[in-house]
Amino acid sequence: MEFLPRLKPEQKKEILNHLQSFITEERKRKFEHLIQFRTRYITIVLEDIFQPHNASAVLRTCECFGIQDVHIIENSNPYRINPDVALGSTKWLSLFRYNRNKSNTNDCLKGLKINGYHLIAATPHEKNHPPETLSLDHPIAILFGTELEGLSQETLHQADGFITIPMVGFTESLNISVSAAIIMYTVISRLHSSSIHWQLKPNEITDVMLQWHSSSITKSDLIIRRFIRKKGWLIP
């Protein structure tokens, strides 16, 4: 529902309270528990991933570890999801897709920097950090590239830092979904044990809870529109 972001915070809270009457108490308790572990302090960027299995597995991992936002850059490869692998994870995540311009990569990375994120490229590099020592002093966006070629030169040039997983085998190569899972688990575990304020802000909690409720309720868009008409609100 494209008009929801334009509503005032107090209006969103009223809608959320109304939607709660359409879900079970068990589902309500689960939402209230899981929202405590959601974060936007860490976000994931996927650039030109072309294998649906990998794309879907990364989304599923993000959802499992409480990473709310995933930014998807589609320059050459459309981002396709395998529902058998994603297992419905997309309805709990906030997906941002960049596929309208020739400068999709720049549009994504520029927006993240404006919002205070440090861009951390997942790639072998002489100045890289393992997940255990990566600085968490600032919100970070971890960037993953294509299965064969990795991140683009444009992305590597704009990166503020680099992260890699130390390996001692002959192949020294991990599938992107495996690499993403290892990095996310390590970074999120460190974040949870830190004193950093990584949880969602109150208004963000309302927005995400609205999304979750809407995804759980049949014809939620009609319910919300009827509620708004009943309240007599003018949608800006």
Protein backbone atom coordinates (compact mmCIF):
# COMPACT_ATOMS: atom_id res chain seq x y z
CA MET A 1 0.00 0.00 0.00
CA GLU A 2 1.91 2.95 -1.36
CA PHE A 3 0.14 5.51 0.83
CA LEU A 4 1.17 4.02 4.19
CA PRO A 5 4.58 5.77 4.33
CA ARG A 6 2.78 9.12 3.97
CA LEU A 7 0.64 8.61 7.08
CA LYS A 8 1.51 10.24 10.39
CA PRO A 9 3.12 8.02 13.06
CA GLU A 10 0.04 8.18 15.28
CA GLN A 11 -2.17 7.15 12.35
CA LYS A 12 0.04 4.15 11.66
CA LYS A 13 -0.22 3.11 15.31
CA GLU A 14 -4.02 3.26 15.15
CA ILE A 15 -4.03 1.09 12.03
CA LEU A 16 -1.68 -1.38 13.70
CA ASN A 17 -3.91 -1.60 16.77
CA HIS A 18 -6.87 -2.26 14.48
CA LEU A 19 -5.04 -5.01 12.56
CA GLN A 20 -4.08 -6.77 15.77
CA SER A 21 -7.71 -7.77 16.24
CA PHE A 22 -7.42 -9.90 13.07
CA ILE A 23 -4.54 -12.11 14.24
CA THR A 24 -4.30 -14.73 16.96
CA GLU A 25 -2.77 -13.99 20.35
CA GLU A 26 -0.05 -16.51 19.58
CA ARG A 27 0.91 -14.69 16.37
CA LYS A 28 0.80 -11.36 18.20
CA ARG A 29 3.18 -12.62 20.89
CA LYS A 30 5.53 -13.99 18.25
CA PHE A 31 5.62 -10.64 16.45
CA GLU A 32 6.30 -8.79 19.70
CA HIS A 33 9.13 -11.19 20.54
CA LEU A 34 10.84 -11.21 17.15
CA ILE A 35 10.67 -7.45 16.60
CA GLN A 36 13.11 -7.05 19.50
CA PHE A 37 15.80 -8.74 17.40
CA ARG A 38 15.21 -6.89 14.15
CA THR A 39 17.93 -4.48 13.05
CA ARG A 40 18.76 -1.96 10.38
CA TYR A 41 22.21 -1.35 11.84
CA ILE A 42 23.41 -4.08 9.48
CA THR A 43 22.01 -4.26 5.97
CA ILE A 44 22.83 -6.47 2.99
CA VAL A 45 23.44 -5.42 -0.61
CA LEU A 46 23.28 -7.95 -3.46
CA GLU A 47 24.72 -6.84 -6.79
CA ASP A 48 23.66 -8.75 -9.90
CA ILE A 49 23.08 -12.15 -8.29
CA PHE A 50 21.74 -14.38 -11.10
CA GLN A 51 21.14 -17.82 -9.55
CA PRO A 52 17.67 -17.95 -7.93
CA HIS A 53 18.85 -20.58 -5.43
CA ASN A 54 21.60 -18.32 -4.08
CA ALA A 55 19.43 -15.21 -4.14
CA SER A 56 16.71 -16.94 -2.17
CA ALA A 57 19.09 -18.54 0.31
CA VAL A 58 20.61 -15.15 1.19
CA LEU A 59 17.15 -13.69 1.83
CA ARG A 60 16.26 -16.61 4.06
CA THR A 61 19.49 -16.13 6.03
CA CYS A 62 18.85 -12.40 6.45
CA GLU A 63 15.41 -13.13 7.86
CA CYS A 64 16.72 -15.81 10.22
CA PHE A 65 19.33 -13.45 11.69
CA GLY A 66 16.96 -10.46 12.01
CA ILE A 67 18.43 -8.27 9.27
CA GLN A 68 15.41 -6.33 8.07
CA ASP A 69 16.62 -4.55 4.93
CA VAL A 70 18.06 -6.06 1.77
CA HIS A 71 19.12 -3.88 -1.17
CA ILE A 72 19.07 -5.59 -4.56
CA ILE A 73 20.98 -4.14 -7.52
CA GLU A 74 19.86 -5.45 -10.92
CA ASN A 75 22.19 -4.21 -13.66
CA SER A 76 22.55 -7.23 -15.95
CA ASN A 77 20.69 -9.94 -14.07
CA PRO A 78 17.07 -9.73 -12.88
CA TYR A 79 16.69 -10.86 -9.28
CA ARG A 80 14.63 -14.04 -9.25
CA ILE A 81 13.47 -15.82 -6.11
CA ASN A 82 13.04 -19.56 -5.68
CA PRO A 83 10.05 -19.92 -3.32
CA ASP A 84 11.12 -23.44 -2.32
CA VAL A 85 14.36 -22.00 -0.94
CA ALA A 86 13.15 -18.63 0.35
CA LEU A 87 10.33 -20.33 2.33
CA GLY A 88 8.26 -17.15 2.54
CA SER A 89 11.06 -15.04 4.02
CA THR A 90 10.42 -12.16 1.61
CA LYS A 91 7.15 -11.15 3.29
CA TRP A 92 9.00 -10.46 6.55
CA LEU A 93 11.81 -8.44 4.95
CA SER A 94 12.02 -4.95 3.48
CA LEU A 95 13.38 -5.33 -0.06
CA PHE A 96 14.71 -2.36 -2.01
CA ARG A 97 15.30 -3.01 -5.71
CA TYR A 98 17.40 -0.87 -8.03
CA ASN A 99 16.66 -1.63 -11.67
CA ARG A 100 15.37 1.53 -13.33
CA ASN A 101 18.55 3.30 -14.43
CA LYS A 102 21.95 2.62 -15.94
CA SER A 103 23.51 3.74 -12.65
CA ASN A 104 21.66 1.31 -10.37
CA THR A 105 24.80 0.55 -8.37
CA ASN A 106 25.59 4.20 -7.77
CA ASP A 107 21.96 4.97 -6.84
CA CYS A 108 22.00 2.25 -4.20
CA LEU A 109 25.40 2.99 -2.70
CA LYS A 110 24.91 6.74 -2.69
CA GLY A 111 21.63 6.36 -0.81
CA LEU A 112 23.22 4.08 1.77
CA LYS A 113 26.07 6.50 2.39
CA ILE A 114 23.63 9.39 2.80
CA ASN A 115 21.89 7.30 5.47
CA GLY A 116 25.15 6.84 7.37
CA TYR A 117 26.19 3.36 6.29
CA HIS A 118 29.80 2.30 5.81
CA LEU A 119 30.08 0.16 2.69
CA ILE A 120 31.90 -3.13 3.36
CA ALA A 121 32.71 -5.23 0.30
CA ALA A 122 32.83 -9.00 0.72
CA THR A 123 35.85 -9.84 -1.42
CA PRO A 124 39.47 -10.96 -1.12
CA HIS A 125 41.57 -7.81 -0.65
CA GLU A 126 44.91 -6.95 0.86
CA LYS A 127 43.28 -4.60 3.37
CA ASN A 128 40.42 -6.89 4.31
CA HIS A 129 39.12 -7.84 7.76
CA PRO A 130 37.73 -11.19 8.90
CA PRO A 131 34.19 -10.97 10.32
CA GLU A 132 35.59 -11.21 13.86
CA THR A 133 37.53 -7.91 13.65
CA LEU A 134 35.35 -5.80 11.37
CA SER A 135 34.60 -2.47 13.03
CA LEU A 136 30.98 -2.04 14.14
CA ASP A 137 31.36 1.58 15.21
CA HIS A 138 29.06 2.69 12.38
CA PRO A 139 26.05 1.09 10.67
CA ILE A 140 27.37 -1.15 7.90
CA ALA A 141 26.12 -2.38 4.55
CA ILE A 142 27.77 -5.64 3.54
CA LEU A 143 28.06 -5.96 -0.25
CA PHE A 144 27.99 -9.27 -2.12
CA GLY A 145 28.57 -9.65 -5.87
CA THR A 146 27.93 -12.13 -8.65
CA GLU A 147 28.76 -15.79 -8.26
CA LEU A 148 31.53 -15.77 -10.88
CA GLU A 149 32.94 -12.25 -11.08
CA GLY A 150 32.19 -10.85 -7.66
CA LEU A 151 31.50 -7.16 -7.07
CA SER A 152 31.85 -4.60 -9.84
CA GLN A 153 34.81 -2.22 -9.97
CA GLU A 154 32.39 0.64 -9.29
CA THR A 155 31.33 -0.98 -6.03
CA LEU A 156 34.88 -1.84 -4.98
CA HIS A 157 35.95 1.75 -5.66
CA GLN A 158 33.21 3.13 -3.41
CA ALA A 159 33.74 0.63 -0.59
CA ASP A 160 34.87 1.95 2.79
CA GLY A 161 36.33 -1.40 3.80
CA PHE A 162 36.63 -5.06 2.88
CA ILE A 163 35.67 -8.30 4.57
CA THR A 164 36.62 -11.88 3.78
CA ILE A 165 36.46 -15.32 5.36
CA PRO A 166 39.92 -16.83 6.02
CA MET A 167 40.27 -20.25 4.35
CA VAL A 168 42.99 -22.89 4.34
CA GLY A 169 41.74 -25.26 1.62
CA PHE A 170 42.94 -25.69 -1.96
CA THR A 171 39.84 -24.19 -3.60
CA GLU A 172 39.59 -21.14 -1.29
CA SER A 173 36.11 -20.45 -2.57
CA LEU A 174 32.72 -20.56 -0.89
CA ASN A 175 29.28 -20.36 -2.44
CA ILE A 176 27.87 -16.85 -2.00
CA SER A 177 24.98 -18.05 0.17
CA VAL A 178 27.42 -19.88 2.47
CA SER A 179 29.74 -16.86 2.66
CA ALA A 180 26.82 -14.56 3.44
CA ALA A 181 25.58 -16.88 6.19
CA ILE A 182 28.97 -17.10 7.89
CA ILE A 183 29.55 -13.36 7.76
CA MET A 184 26.04 -12.48 8.92
CA TYR A 185 26.12 -14.92 11.82
CA THR A 186 29.47 -13.65 13.06
CA VAL A 187 28.63 -9.96 12.73
CA ILE A 188 25.15 -10.27 14.23
CA SER A 189 26.48 -12.32 17.16
CA ARG A 190 29.04 -9.61 17.88
CA LEU A 191 26.40 -6.92 17.57
CA HIS A 192 24.06 -8.63 20.04
CA SER A 193 26.81 -8.92 22.63
CA SER A 194 27.88 -5.28 22.24
CA SER A 195 26.60 -2.09 23.87
CA ILE A 196 25.60 -0.64 20.48
CA HIS A 197 21.98 0.49 20.10
CA TRP A 198 21.24 -1.76 17.12
CA GLN A 199 17.49 -2.34 17.61
CA LEU A 200 14.81 -0.65 15.52
CA LYS A 201 13.62 2.80 16.54
CA PRO A 202 9.97 3.16 17.73
CA ASN A 203 8.69 4.47 14.38
CA GLU A 204 10.58 1.73 12.54
CA ILE A 205 9.02 -0.88 14.80
CA THR A 206 5.57 0.42 13.87
CA ASP A 207 6.38 0.31 10.16
CA VAL A 208 7.74 -3.23 10.27
CA MET A 209 4.89 -4.47 12.46
CA LEU A 210 2.44 -2.99 9.97
CA GLN A 211 4.19 -4.89 7.19
CA TRP A 212 4.12 -8.15 9.15
CA HIS A 213 0.45 -7.80 10.06
CA SER A 214 -0.48 -6.89 6.49
CA SER A 215 1.36 -9.97 5.21
CA SER A 216 -0.46 -12.20 7.69
CA ILE A 217 -4.03 -11.01 7.17
CA THR A 218 -6.13 -11.91 4.13
CA LYS A 219 -7.21 -8.79 2.19
CA SER A 220 -5.43 -6.55 4.66
CA ASP A 221 -5.38 -3.72 2.11
CA LEU A 222 -9.18 -3.61 2.08
CA ILE A 223 -9.32 -3.69 5.88
CA ILE A 224 -6.88 -0.78 6.10
CA ARG A 225 -8.69 1.29 3.47
CA ARG A 226 -12.04 0.79 5.21
CA PHE A 227 -10.50 1.82 8.52
CA ILE A 228 -9.05 4.98 6.97
CA ARG A 229 -12.39 5.89 5.40
CA LYS A 230 -14.12 5.32 8.72
CA LYS A 231 -11.63 7.63 10.44
CA GLY A 232 -12.12 10.26 7.76
CA TRP A 233 -8.41 10.68 7.18
CA LEU A 234 -7.16 12.48 4.11
CA ILE A 235 -4.24 10.67 2.54
CA PRO A 236 -1.55 13.17 1.48
